[in-house]
N, C-alpha and C. Protein backbone atom coordinates (compact mmCIF):
# COMPACT_ATOMS: atom_id res chain seq x y z
N MET A 1 -21.66 -0.79 -39.62
CA MET A 1 -19.76 -0.81 -38.85
C MET A 1 -19.11 0.58 -39.21
N SER A 2 -18.11 0.95 -38.49
CA SER A 2 -17.92 2.56 -38.66
C SER A 2 -16.81 2.22 -38.06
N SER A 3 -15.67 3.01 -38.69
CA SER A 3 -14.07 3.10 -38.41
C SER A 3 -14.29 4.04 -36.84
N GLN A 4 -15.90 5.18 -36.58
CA GLN A 4 -15.44 6.46 -35.95
C GLN A 4 -15.51 5.14 -34.04
N PRO A 5 -14.87 5.56 -33.18
CA PRO A 5 -14.76 5.28 -31.88
C PRO A 5 -16.23 5.90 -31.60
N ARG A 6 -16.38 4.84 -30.11
CA ARG A 6 -17.69 5.30 -29.80
C ARG A 6 -17.09 5.53 -28.63
N LEU A 7 -16.77 7.56 -28.29
CA LEU A 7 -16.44 7.84 -27.13
C LEU A 7 -17.98 8.23 -26.80
N HIS A 8 -17.48 8.74 -24.43
CA HIS A 8 -17.37 9.21 -23.89
C HIS A 8 -18.98 8.53 -23.00
N GLN A 9 -18.41 7.27 -23.40
CA GLN A 9 -19.80 6.12 -23.28
C GLN A 9 -19.68 6.01 -21.45
N ARG A 10 -20.83 5.96 -20.54
CA ARG A 10 -20.66 5.69 -19.45
C ARG A 10 -22.12 4.56 -19.28
N GLY A 11 -21.66 3.84 -17.97
CA GLY A 11 -22.60 2.53 -17.89
C GLY A 11 -22.93 2.56 -16.78
N PRO A 12 -23.69 1.67 -15.81
CA PRO A 12 -23.32 1.41 -14.71
C PRO A 12 -22.79 0.87 -13.94
N ALA A 13 -22.83 0.04 -13.10
CA ALA A 13 -20.77 -0.14 -12.57
C ALA A 13 -21.03 -1.77 -12.44
N ALA A 14 -20.12 -2.36 -13.05
CA ALA A 14 -20.34 -3.79 -13.17
C ALA A 14 -20.21 -4.79 -11.69
N GLN A 15 -19.81 -3.82 -10.84
CA GLN A 15 -19.57 -3.99 -9.42
C GLN A 15 -19.51 -3.53 -8.11
N GLU A 16 -19.81 -2.99 -8.02
CA GLU A 16 -19.63 -2.17 -6.91
C GLU A 16 -19.17 -2.49 -6.09
N PHE A 17 -18.31 -0.60 -5.06
CA PHE A 17 -17.00 -1.50 -4.01
C PHE A 17 -17.86 -1.99 -3.04
N GLY A 18 -17.42 -2.96 -2.11
CA GLY A 18 -17.30 -3.22 -1.08
C GLY A 18 -18.27 -5.18 -1.11
N THR A 19 -18.69 -5.42 -2.87
CA THR A 19 -18.82 -6.47 -2.58
C THR A 19 -18.57 -7.20 -2.89
N VAL A 20 -18.59 -8.26 -2.73
CA VAL A 20 -18.05 -9.75 -3.78
C VAL A 20 -18.51 -11.14 -4.57
N THR A 21 -18.01 -11.32 -5.73
CA THR A 21 -18.47 -12.22 -6.61
C THR A 21 -18.23 -14.05 -6.38
N GLN A 22 -18.79 -14.05 -6.65
CA GLN A 22 -18.57 -15.58 -5.93
C GLN A 22 -17.63 -16.49 -6.98
N LEU A 23 -16.81 -16.82 -6.29
CA LEU A 23 -15.76 -17.62 -7.18
C LEU A 23 -15.30 -18.77 -6.48
N PRO A 24 -15.22 -20.15 -7.78
CA PRO A 24 -14.75 -21.45 -6.87
C PRO A 24 -13.28 -21.49 -5.71
N ILE A 25 -13.65 -20.68 -4.97
CA ILE A 25 -12.29 -20.66 -4.83
C ILE A 25 -12.57 -21.09 -3.22
N ALA A 26 -13.47 -22.02 -2.79
CA ALA A 26 -13.37 -22.46 -1.50
C ALA A 26 -13.11 -22.30 -0.44
N LEU A 27 -13.50 -20.73 -0.52
CA LEU A 27 -13.44 -20.24 0.88
C LEU A 27 -14.85 -19.92 0.85
N SER A 28 -15.20 -18.84 2.06
CA SER A 28 -16.56 -18.61 2.64
C SER A 28 -16.65 -16.96 1.61
N HIS A 29 -17.89 -16.88 1.72
CA HIS A 29 -18.51 -15.63 0.81
C HIS A 29 -17.94 -14.62 1.93
N ASP A 30 -18.37 -14.91 3.00
CA ASP A 30 -17.71 -13.83 4.53
C ASP A 30 -16.62 -13.54 3.83
N ALA A 31 -15.87 -14.45 4.48
CA ALA A 31 -14.10 -15.12 4.86
C ALA A 31 -13.85 -14.19 3.66
N ARG A 32 -13.82 -13.71 2.24
CA ARG A 32 -13.71 -13.14 0.73
C ARG A 32 -14.05 -11.81 0.72
N ARG A 33 -15.78 -11.85 1.53
CA ARG A 33 -15.42 -9.94 1.42
C ARG A 33 -14.78 -10.02 2.64
N TYR A 34 -14.17 -10.30 3.90
CA TYR A 34 -13.81 -9.55 4.94
C TYR A 34 -12.37 -9.68 4.34
N SER A 35 -11.62 -11.20 4.36
CA SER A 35 -10.61 -10.16 3.75
C SER A 35 -10.73 -8.75 2.61
N ALA A 36 -11.12 -9.42 1.70
CA ALA A 36 -11.56 -7.73 0.87
C ALA A 36 -11.32 -6.58 0.83
N GLN A 37 -11.95 -6.50 2.56
CA GLN A 37 -12.23 -4.98 2.78
C GLN A 37 -11.17 -5.00 3.71
N ARG A 38 -9.64 -5.77 3.94
CA ARG A 38 -9.16 -5.13 5.33
C ARG A 38 -7.77 -5.32 4.13
N LEU A 39 -7.61 -6.50 2.65
CA LEU A 39 -7.29 -5.25 1.29
C LEU A 39 -6.92 -4.04 0.90
N ASN A 40 -7.87 -3.93 1.43
CA ASN A 40 -8.61 -2.55 0.47
C ASN A 40 -7.66 -1.94 1.32
N ARG A 41 -7.47 -1.87 2.59
CA ARG A 41 -7.50 -0.85 3.55
C ARG A 41 -5.36 -0.88 3.52
N VAL A 42 -5.21 -1.85 3.43
CA VAL A 42 -3.37 -2.47 3.11
C VAL A 42 -3.40 -2.17 1.97
N LEU A 43 -3.66 -1.86 0.96
CA LEU A 43 -4.10 -1.36 -0.49
C LEU A 43 -4.07 0.57 -0.28
N ALA A 44 -4.92 0.96 0.58
CA ALA A 44 -5.08 2.12 0.31
C ALA A 44 -3.40 3.68 1.33
N ASP A 45 -3.42 2.21 2.08
CA ASP A 45 -2.10 2.67 3.41
C ASP A 45 -0.77 2.81 2.21
N THR A 46 -0.60 1.61 1.75
CA THR A 46 0.55 0.79 0.60
C THR A 46 0.41 2.21 -0.35
N GLN A 47 -0.24 2.71 -1.30
CA GLN A 47 -0.77 3.43 -2.62
C GLN A 47 0.31 5.09 -1.52
N PHE A 48 -0.84 4.76 -0.75
CA PHE A 48 -0.77 6.68 0.24
C PHE A 48 1.88 6.23 0.67
N LEU A 49 1.85 5.29 1.29
CA LEU A 49 3.65 5.14 1.66
C LEU A 49 4.27 5.68 0.24
N TYR A 50 3.75 4.64 -1.37
CA TYR A 50 4.42 4.78 -2.32
C TYR A 50 4.42 6.52 -2.22
N GLY A 51 3.53 7.01 -2.40
CA GLY A 51 2.84 8.40 -2.52
C GLY A 51 4.08 9.54 -1.76
N LEU A 52 4.30 8.89 -0.56
CA LEU A 52 5.27 9.58 0.18
C LEU A 52 6.89 9.28 0.11
N TYR A 53 7.07 7.98 -0.71
CA TYR A 53 8.12 7.91 -0.45
C TYR A 53 8.52 8.71 -2.44
N LYS A 54 7.50 8.58 -2.93
CA LYS A 54 8.35 9.60 -4.58
C LYS A 54 8.38 11.15 -4.12
N LYS A 55 7.69 11.43 -2.54
CA LYS A 55 6.97 13.16 -2.64
C LYS A 55 8.54 12.64 -1.90
N TYR A 56 9.25 12.50 -0.95
CA TYR A 56 10.56 12.41 -0.24
C TYR A 56 11.47 12.71 -1.40
N HIS A 57 11.05 11.29 -2.07
CA HIS A 57 12.88 11.26 -3.53
C HIS A 57 12.67 12.50 -4.26
N TRP A 58 11.70 13.23 -4.52
CA TRP A 58 11.50 14.12 -5.31
C TRP A 58 12.27 15.30 -4.46
N GLY A 59 12.26 15.90 -3.15
CA GLY A 59 12.22 17.03 -2.67
C GLY A 59 13.62 16.31 -1.93
N MET A 60 14.61 15.55 -1.71
CA MET A 60 15.55 15.29 -1.02
C MET A 60 16.47 16.46 -0.90
N ARG A 61 17.02 17.06 0.18
CA ARG A 61 18.08 18.03 0.15
C ARG A 61 18.68 17.03 1.96
N GLY A 62 20.24 18.29 1.54
CA GLY A 62 21.22 17.43 2.12
C GLY A 62 22.32 17.02 2.11
N PRO A 63 23.19 16.59 2.93
CA PRO A 63 24.40 16.04 2.46
C PRO A 63 23.80 14.18 2.58
N THR A 64 23.17 14.23 3.01
CA THR A 64 22.88 12.45 2.22
C THR A 64 21.58 12.25 1.16
N ALA A 65 21.65 13.17 0.03
CA ALA A 65 20.20 13.62 -0.94
C ALA A 65 20.71 12.64 -1.90
N TYR A 66 21.85 12.06 -2.29
CA TYR A 66 21.87 11.53 -3.25
C TYR A 66 21.95 9.69 -3.01
N GLN A 67 22.05 9.75 -1.94
CA GLN A 67 21.66 8.08 -1.46
C GLN A 67 21.00 8.43 -0.85
N LEU A 68 19.54 8.92 -0.40
CA LEU A 68 18.34 9.06 -0.53
C LEU A 68 17.54 8.86 -1.30
N HIS A 69 17.91 9.82 -1.71
CA HIS A 69 16.83 9.74 -3.08
C HIS A 69 17.32 8.34 -4.21
N LEU A 70 18.73 7.67 -3.68
CA LEU A 70 17.63 6.14 -4.65
C LEU A 70 17.16 5.13 -3.63
N LEU A 71 17.80 5.78 -2.03
CA LEU A 71 17.20 4.42 -1.34
C LEU A 71 15.07 4.95 -1.40
N PHE A 72 14.82 6.10 -1.41
CA PHE A 72 13.22 6.59 -1.13
C PHE A 72 13.26 5.75 -3.13
N ASP A 73 13.60 5.62 -3.84
CA ASP A 73 13.21 5.49 -5.15
C ASP A 73 13.37 4.25 -5.47
N LYS A 74 14.30 2.96 -4.43
CA LYS A 74 13.91 1.67 -4.62
C LYS A 74 13.08 1.29 -3.86
N HIS A 75 12.77 1.66 -2.36
CA HIS A 75 11.93 1.31 -1.63
C HIS A 75 9.82 1.98 -2.08
N ALA A 76 9.81 3.08 -2.88
CA ALA A 76 8.81 3.02 -3.85
C ALA A 76 8.50 2.29 -4.83
N GLN A 77 9.91 1.61 -5.54
CA GLN A 77 9.32 0.86 -6.30
C GLN A 77 9.10 -0.69 -6.04
N GLU A 78 9.96 -0.59 -4.85
CA GLU A 78 9.27 -2.12 -3.82
C GLU A 78 7.92 -2.05 -3.64
N GLN A 79 6.80 -0.81 -3.24
CA GLN A 79 5.62 -0.44 -2.20
C GLN A 79 4.86 -0.32 -3.65
N LEU A 80 4.92 0.04 -5.25
CA LEU A 80 4.15 0.04 -6.03
C LEU A 80 4.60 -1.43 -6.30
N GLU A 81 5.32 -2.11 -6.62
CA GLU A 81 4.41 -3.83 -6.90
C GLU A 81 3.71 -4.26 -5.32
N LEU A 82 4.21 -4.08 -4.13
CA LEU A 82 3.04 -4.45 -2.87
C LEU A 82 1.38 -4.04 -3.80
N VAL A 83 1.22 -2.60 -4.04
CA VAL A 83 0.00 -1.77 -4.67
C VAL A 83 -0.39 -3.42 -5.27
N ASP A 84 0.39 -3.56 -6.79
CA ASP A 84 -0.21 -4.82 -7.71
C ASP A 84 -0.48 -6.15 -6.43
N ALA A 85 0.40 -6.67 -5.85
CA ALA A 85 -0.40 -7.62 -5.70
C ALA A 85 -0.96 -7.48 -4.69
N LEU A 86 -1.13 -6.59 -4.08
CA LEU A 86 -2.72 -6.44 -3.35
C LEU A 86 -4.34 -6.02 -3.51
N ALA A 87 -3.65 -5.51 -5.12
CA ALA A 87 -5.11 -4.93 -5.81
C ALA A 87 -5.52 -6.62 -6.85
N GLU A 88 -4.67 -7.17 -6.85
CA GLU A 88 -5.16 -8.33 -7.65
C GLU A 88 -5.78 -9.67 -6.43
N ARG A 89 -4.70 -9.54 -5.44
CA ARG A 89 -5.31 -10.57 -4.54
C ARG A 89 -6.78 -10.48 -4.04
N VAL A 90 -7.53 -8.83 -3.71
CA VAL A 90 -9.05 -7.70 -4.11
C VAL A 90 -10.07 -8.56 -4.63
N GLN A 91 -9.01 -8.36 -6.50
CA GLN A 91 -9.43 -8.92 -7.61
C GLN A 91 -9.85 -10.66 -6.88
N MET A 92 -8.84 -11.52 -6.60
CA MET A 92 -9.26 -12.60 -7.45
C MET A 92 -10.61 -13.33 -5.87
N LEU A 93 -9.92 -12.61 -4.99
CA LEU A 93 -11.42 -12.79 -3.78
C LEU A 93 -12.69 -12.56 -4.92
N GLY A 94 -12.92 -12.25 -5.22
CA GLY A 94 -14.65 -11.47 -6.00
C GLY A 94 -14.74 -10.27 -5.77
N GLY A 95 -13.74 -9.44 -5.33
CA GLY A 95 -13.96 -7.73 -5.43
C GLY A 95 -13.06 -7.37 -6.07
N VAL A 96 -13.49 -5.78 -5.58
CA VAL A 96 -13.18 -4.85 -6.57
C VAL A 96 -12.32 -3.42 -5.70
N ALA A 97 -10.15 -3.92 -6.32
CA ALA A 97 -9.50 -2.98 -5.43
C ALA A 97 -9.58 -1.71 -5.94
N VAL A 98 -9.89 -1.09 -4.58
CA VAL A 98 -9.55 0.85 -5.04
C VAL A 98 -8.64 0.68 -5.04
N GLY A 99 -8.85 1.54 -6.48
CA GLY A 99 -8.21 2.18 -7.41
C GLY A 99 -8.06 3.69 -7.69
N ASP A 100 -8.82 4.28 -7.61
CA ASP A 100 -8.93 5.49 -7.53
C ASP A 100 -8.15 6.47 -5.84
N LEU A 101 -7.70 7.13 -6.58
CA LEU A 101 -6.67 7.90 -4.89
C LEU A 101 -6.92 8.69 -4.17
N ARG A 102 -8.33 8.98 -4.92
CA ARG A 102 -9.08 10.06 -4.16
C ARG A 102 -10.05 9.38 -3.23
N HIS A 103 -10.48 7.57 -3.39
CA HIS A 103 -11.50 7.17 -2.48
C HIS A 103 -10.30 6.11 -1.51
N ALA A 104 -9.15 6.50 -2.56
CA ALA A 104 -7.94 6.16 -1.03
C ALA A 104 -7.10 6.78 0.19
N ALA A 105 -7.79 8.18 -0.63
CA ALA A 105 -7.39 9.30 0.19
C ALA A 105 -8.31 8.65 1.76
N GLU A 106 -10.03 8.64 1.31
CA GLU A 106 -10.59 8.33 2.68
C GLU A 106 -10.37 6.92 3.05
N ILE A 107 -9.53 6.10 2.77
CA ILE A 107 -9.55 5.47 3.18
C ILE A 107 -8.44 5.00 3.78
N THR A 108 -7.47 5.21 3.68
CA THR A 108 -6.36 5.40 4.42
C THR A 108 -6.05 5.48 5.64
N GLY A 109 -5.36 5.23 6.73
CA GLY A 109 -5.15 5.78 8.05
C GLY A 109 -3.23 6.83 7.95
N VAL A 110 -2.29 6.16 6.72
CA VAL A 110 -1.07 7.17 6.92
C VAL A 110 -1.85 8.33 6.38
N PRO A 111 -1.09 9.54 7.70
CA PRO A 111 -1.20 10.87 7.65
C PRO A 111 -0.68 11.92 6.44
N ARG A 112 -1.67 12.63 6.17
CA ARG A 112 -0.81 13.39 5.11
C ARG A 112 0.48 14.72 5.29
N PRO A 113 1.26 14.40 4.33
CA PRO A 113 2.03 14.88 4.86
C PRO A 113 2.04 16.41 4.55
N PRO A 114 2.68 17.47 5.13
CA PRO A 114 2.52 18.83 4.66
C PRO A 114 2.57 19.03 3.35
N ASP A 115 2.06 19.79 2.81
CA ASP A 115 2.18 20.53 1.39
C ASP A 115 3.41 20.77 0.94
N GLY A 116 4.88 21.08 1.61
CA GLY A 116 5.98 21.46 1.48
C GLY A 116 7.26 20.54 1.65
N ILE A 117 8.27 21.05 1.52
CA ILE A 117 9.76 19.83 2.22
C ILE A 117 10.11 19.73 3.10
N ASP A 118 10.20 18.61 3.51
CA ASP A 118 9.93 18.80 5.24
C ASP A 118 12.09 18.34 5.76
N ASP A 119 13.19 18.50 6.06
CA ASP A 119 13.80 18.09 6.58
C ASP A 119 13.59 16.65 6.91
N VAL A 120 15.37 16.10 6.30
CA VAL A 120 15.50 14.73 6.26
C VAL A 120 15.12 13.91 7.35
N ARG A 121 15.34 14.78 8.33
CA ARG A 121 15.21 13.44 9.97
C ARG A 121 13.28 13.58 10.11
N SER A 122 12.55 14.16 9.47
CA SER A 122 11.17 14.73 9.56
C SER A 122 10.84 13.58 8.27
N MET A 123 11.20 13.66 7.78
CA MET A 123 10.73 13.05 6.23
C MET A 123 11.07 11.18 7.02
N LEU A 124 12.39 10.74 7.20
CA LEU A 124 12.23 9.52 8.20
C LEU A 124 11.27 9.25 8.36
N SER A 125 11.14 9.90 9.75
CA SER A 125 10.25 9.31 10.78
C SER A 125 8.56 9.40 10.11
N ARG A 126 8.02 9.80 9.17
CA ARG A 126 7.30 10.21 8.53
C ARG A 126 7.24 9.04 8.16
N LEU A 127 8.17 8.74 7.40
CA LEU A 127 8.24 7.03 6.57
C LEU A 127 7.92 5.80 7.81
N LEU A 128 8.73 6.22 8.55
CA LEU A 128 9.01 5.27 9.29
C LEU A 128 7.48 4.94 10.32
N ASP A 129 6.64 5.78 11.01
CA ASP A 129 5.59 5.51 11.63
C ASP A 129 4.11 5.49 10.18
N ALA A 130 4.13 5.43 9.39
CA ALA A 130 3.28 4.84 7.88
C ALA A 130 3.72 4.38 7.84
N HIS A 131 5.05 3.14 8.04
CA HIS A 131 5.37 2.11 8.24
C HIS A 131 4.43 1.29 9.53
N GLU A 132 4.86 1.87 10.56
CA GLU A 132 4.46 0.96 11.73
C GLU A 132 2.79 0.86 11.67
N ARG A 133 1.94 1.64 11.63
CA ARG A 133 0.72 1.74 11.12
C ARG A 133 0.69 0.60 9.78
N ILE A 134 1.01 0.54 9.27
CA ILE A 134 0.67 -0.52 8.63
C ILE A 134 1.16 -1.59 9.10
N LEU A 135 2.14 -1.76 9.33
CA LEU A 135 2.17 -3.16 9.66
C LEU A 135 1.72 -3.28 10.91
N THR A 136 1.38 -3.05 11.40
CA THR A 136 0.44 -3.09 13.46
C THR A 136 -1.19 -3.54 12.49
N ASP A 137 -1.72 -3.06 11.31
CA ASP A 137 -3.06 -3.33 10.99
C ASP A 137 -2.51 -4.98 9.27
N VAL A 138 -1.58 -4.34 9.42
CA VAL A 138 -1.23 -5.66 8.56
C VAL A 138 -1.23 -7.51 9.49
N ARG A 139 -0.47 -7.47 10.12
CA ARG A 139 -0.17 -8.73 11.56
C ARG A 139 -1.46 -8.48 11.97
N ASP A 140 -2.54 -7.77 12.60
CA ASP A 140 -3.55 -7.81 12.88
C ASP A 140 -4.41 -8.88 11.72
N ALA A 141 -4.49 -7.82 10.32
CA ALA A 141 -5.36 -8.58 9.04
C ALA A 141 -4.80 -10.01 8.72
N ALA A 142 -3.81 -10.37 8.99
CA ALA A 142 -2.86 -12.02 8.18
C ALA A 142 -3.73 -12.55 9.97
N ALA A 143 -3.53 -12.29 10.41
CA ALA A 143 -4.16 -13.33 11.92
C ALA A 143 -5.27 -13.26 11.47
N ARG A 144 -6.12 -12.75 11.88
CA ARG A 144 -7.60 -12.91 12.11
C ARG A 144 -8.20 -13.31 10.38
N THR A 145 -7.37 -13.36 9.05
CA THR A 145 -7.27 -14.01 7.37
C THR A 145 -7.30 -15.58 7.71
N ALA A 146 -6.00 -15.36 8.33
CA ALA A 146 -5.41 -16.65 8.63
C ALA A 146 -6.49 -17.94 9.42
N GLU A 147 -7.49 -16.81 10.44
CA GLU A 147 -8.56 -17.58 11.60
C GLU A 147 -9.54 -18.33 10.47
N LEU A 148 -9.81 -17.75 8.95
CA LEU A 148 -11.23 -17.47 8.48
C LEU A 148 -10.46 -18.34 7.34
N GLY A 149 -9.55 -18.61 7.40
CA GLY A 149 -8.71 -19.69 6.84
C GLY A 149 -8.11 -19.39 5.07
N ASP A 150 -8.46 -17.92 5.09
CA ASP A 150 -7.91 -17.29 3.72
C ASP A 150 -6.57 -17.52 4.02
N ASP A 151 -5.77 -18.77 3.11
CA ASP A 151 -4.35 -18.82 3.45
C ASP A 151 -3.47 -18.40 2.26
N GLY A 152 -4.14 -17.81 1.46
CA GLY A 152 -3.49 -16.78 0.01
C GLY A 152 -3.37 -15.56 0.76
N THR A 153 -4.44 -14.99 1.51
CA THR A 153 -4.17 -13.53 1.92
C THR A 153 -3.21 -12.94 2.97
N GLN A 154 -3.18 -14.12 3.94
CA GLN A 154 -2.55 -14.70 5.06
C GLN A 154 -1.08 -14.68 4.88
N ASP A 155 -0.48 -15.10 3.19
CA ASP A 155 0.87 -15.61 3.30
C ASP A 155 1.34 -14.46 2.30
N LEU A 156 0.12 -13.20 1.50
CA LEU A 156 0.78 -11.73 0.85
C LEU A 156 1.35 -10.97 1.80
N LEU A 157 0.01 -10.92 2.51
CA LEU A 157 0.47 -9.92 4.54
C LEU A 157 1.77 -10.39 5.07
N VAL A 158 2.21 -11.51 5.07
CA VAL A 158 3.41 -11.87 5.37
C VAL A 158 4.66 -12.13 4.98
N SER A 159 4.97 -12.50 3.82
CA SER A 159 4.99 -13.37 3.28
C SER A 159 5.71 -11.26 1.98
N GLN A 160 4.96 -10.80 2.13
CA GLN A 160 5.23 -10.03 1.13
C GLN A 160 5.00 -8.14 2.21
N ILE A 161 4.01 -8.01 2.14
CA ILE A 161 3.47 -6.87 2.68
C ILE A 161 4.87 -7.23 4.39
N VAL A 162 4.76 -7.89 4.58
CA VAL A 162 5.70 -7.65 6.37
C VAL A 162 6.99 -7.65 6.43
N ARG A 163 7.42 -8.70 5.13
CA ARG A 163 8.72 -8.39 5.26
C ARG A 163 9.46 -7.41 4.02
N THR A 164 9.08 -6.71 3.82
CA THR A 164 8.98 -5.81 2.60
C THR A 164 9.19 -4.71 3.62
N GLY A 165 8.09 -4.42 3.82
CA GLY A 165 7.68 -3.49 5.29
C GLY A 165 9.31 -3.46 6.58
N GLU A 166 9.46 -4.34 6.72
CA GLU A 166 10.89 -5.07 8.35
C GLU A 166 11.56 -4.06 7.57
N ALA A 167 11.91 -4.79 6.54
CA ALA A 167 13.55 -4.45 5.95
C ALA A 167 13.61 -2.71 4.78
N GLN A 168 12.27 -2.22 5.19
CA GLN A 168 12.16 -0.82 4.16
C GLN A 168 12.58 0.48 6.23
N VAL A 169 11.95 -0.66 6.54
CA VAL A 169 12.14 0.52 8.26
C VAL A 169 13.24 0.56 8.22
N TRP A 170 13.97 -0.93 8.75
CA TRP A 170 15.35 -1.29 9.79
C TRP A 170 16.54 -0.16 8.19
N PHE A 171 16.54 -0.25 7.42
CA PHE A 171 17.04 0.95 6.49
C PHE A 171 16.31 2.45 6.41
N LEU A 172 15.09 2.23 6.68
CA LEU A 172 15.29 4.11 7.24
C LEU A 172 15.55 4.07 8.37
N ALA A 173 15.38 3.84 8.99
CA ALA A 173 15.96 3.99 11.17
C ALA A 173 17.43 4.15 11.19
N GLU A 174 18.48 2.93 10.16
CA GLU A 174 19.55 3.81 10.07
C GLU A 174 19.83 4.31 10.47
N HIS A 175 19.20 5.51 8.85
CA HIS A 175 20.56 7.34 8.86
C HIS A 175 19.54 8.46 9.92
N LEU A 176 18.99 7.19 11.29
CA LEU A 176 18.18 8.07 12.34
C LEU A 176 19.76 8.24 13.36
N VAL A 177 20.07 6.98 13.03
CA VAL A 177 21.44 6.89 14.19
C VAL A 177 22.63 7.79 13.94
N ASP A 178 22.42 8.24 15.70
CA ASP A 178 23.62 9.70 16.31
C ASP A 178 24.93 8.59 15.15
N THR A 179 25.84 9.22 14.29
CA THR A 179 27.20 9.05 14.87
C THR A 179 27.55 9.61 14.03
N PRO A 180 29.27 9.71 14.20
CA PRO A 180 30.07 10.93 14.33
C PRO A 180 30.71 10.95 13.28
N GLU A 181 30.44 11.78 12.00
CA GLU A 181 30.33 12.10 10.68
C GLU A 181 32.08 12.11 10.48
N LEU A 182 32.35 11.29 9.46
CA LEU A 182 33.69 11.50 9.05
C LEU A 182 34.08 12.28 8.72
C-alpha cells in the first residue's frame, strides 16, 4: 500500500460511444439505441443553447441589458437542468451521453454564433432560431420514440424539453415586439 496517488492513468474505454448495454427496462435493444442516439443530438443542441444563453448573458448591451441579463441567466440555468436530464436518460437507456463539448460540436445542428457581441435583436433571433431547431427535432423524436414504446424518453422530450422551450420562446419573442417606448 502507498499513500501516493497513481496519476496519469489511461485505459480502454469502458463503453464506446454509440453503443448501448443491456438493461432490464423492458425496451428492445434497437429502441434503446435509437432513443440514445436521438437524445444525444438533443443533448448536444441543448448544450449549445446553454452556451448561447451564457454568451449573451455576459455580452448584454443596451437599455434592456439588466432585464435580459437576468432572463438569459434564468433560461441558461433551465437549459443546464435539461442537459442533466437528457444525459441521465441516455445513461438509463444503457447508452453513453455526449459529455465532451468538442464532441457535442460535431453533433449539434445549432449554428455557431460570431465570436464578437451581437446586437440585442440578433441575439434574440439567434436564440429563437436555436429553440425552433431543437423543438422541431424534439417533436419528431418524441413521436418516433412513442412508436417504439419508449414512454420514458417521450415523456422527457414532451414534458420537459418542449414545455421549457416553448415558455422560453414566448419570453424571448416578446422582446422583439415593436411597442412604443415609455
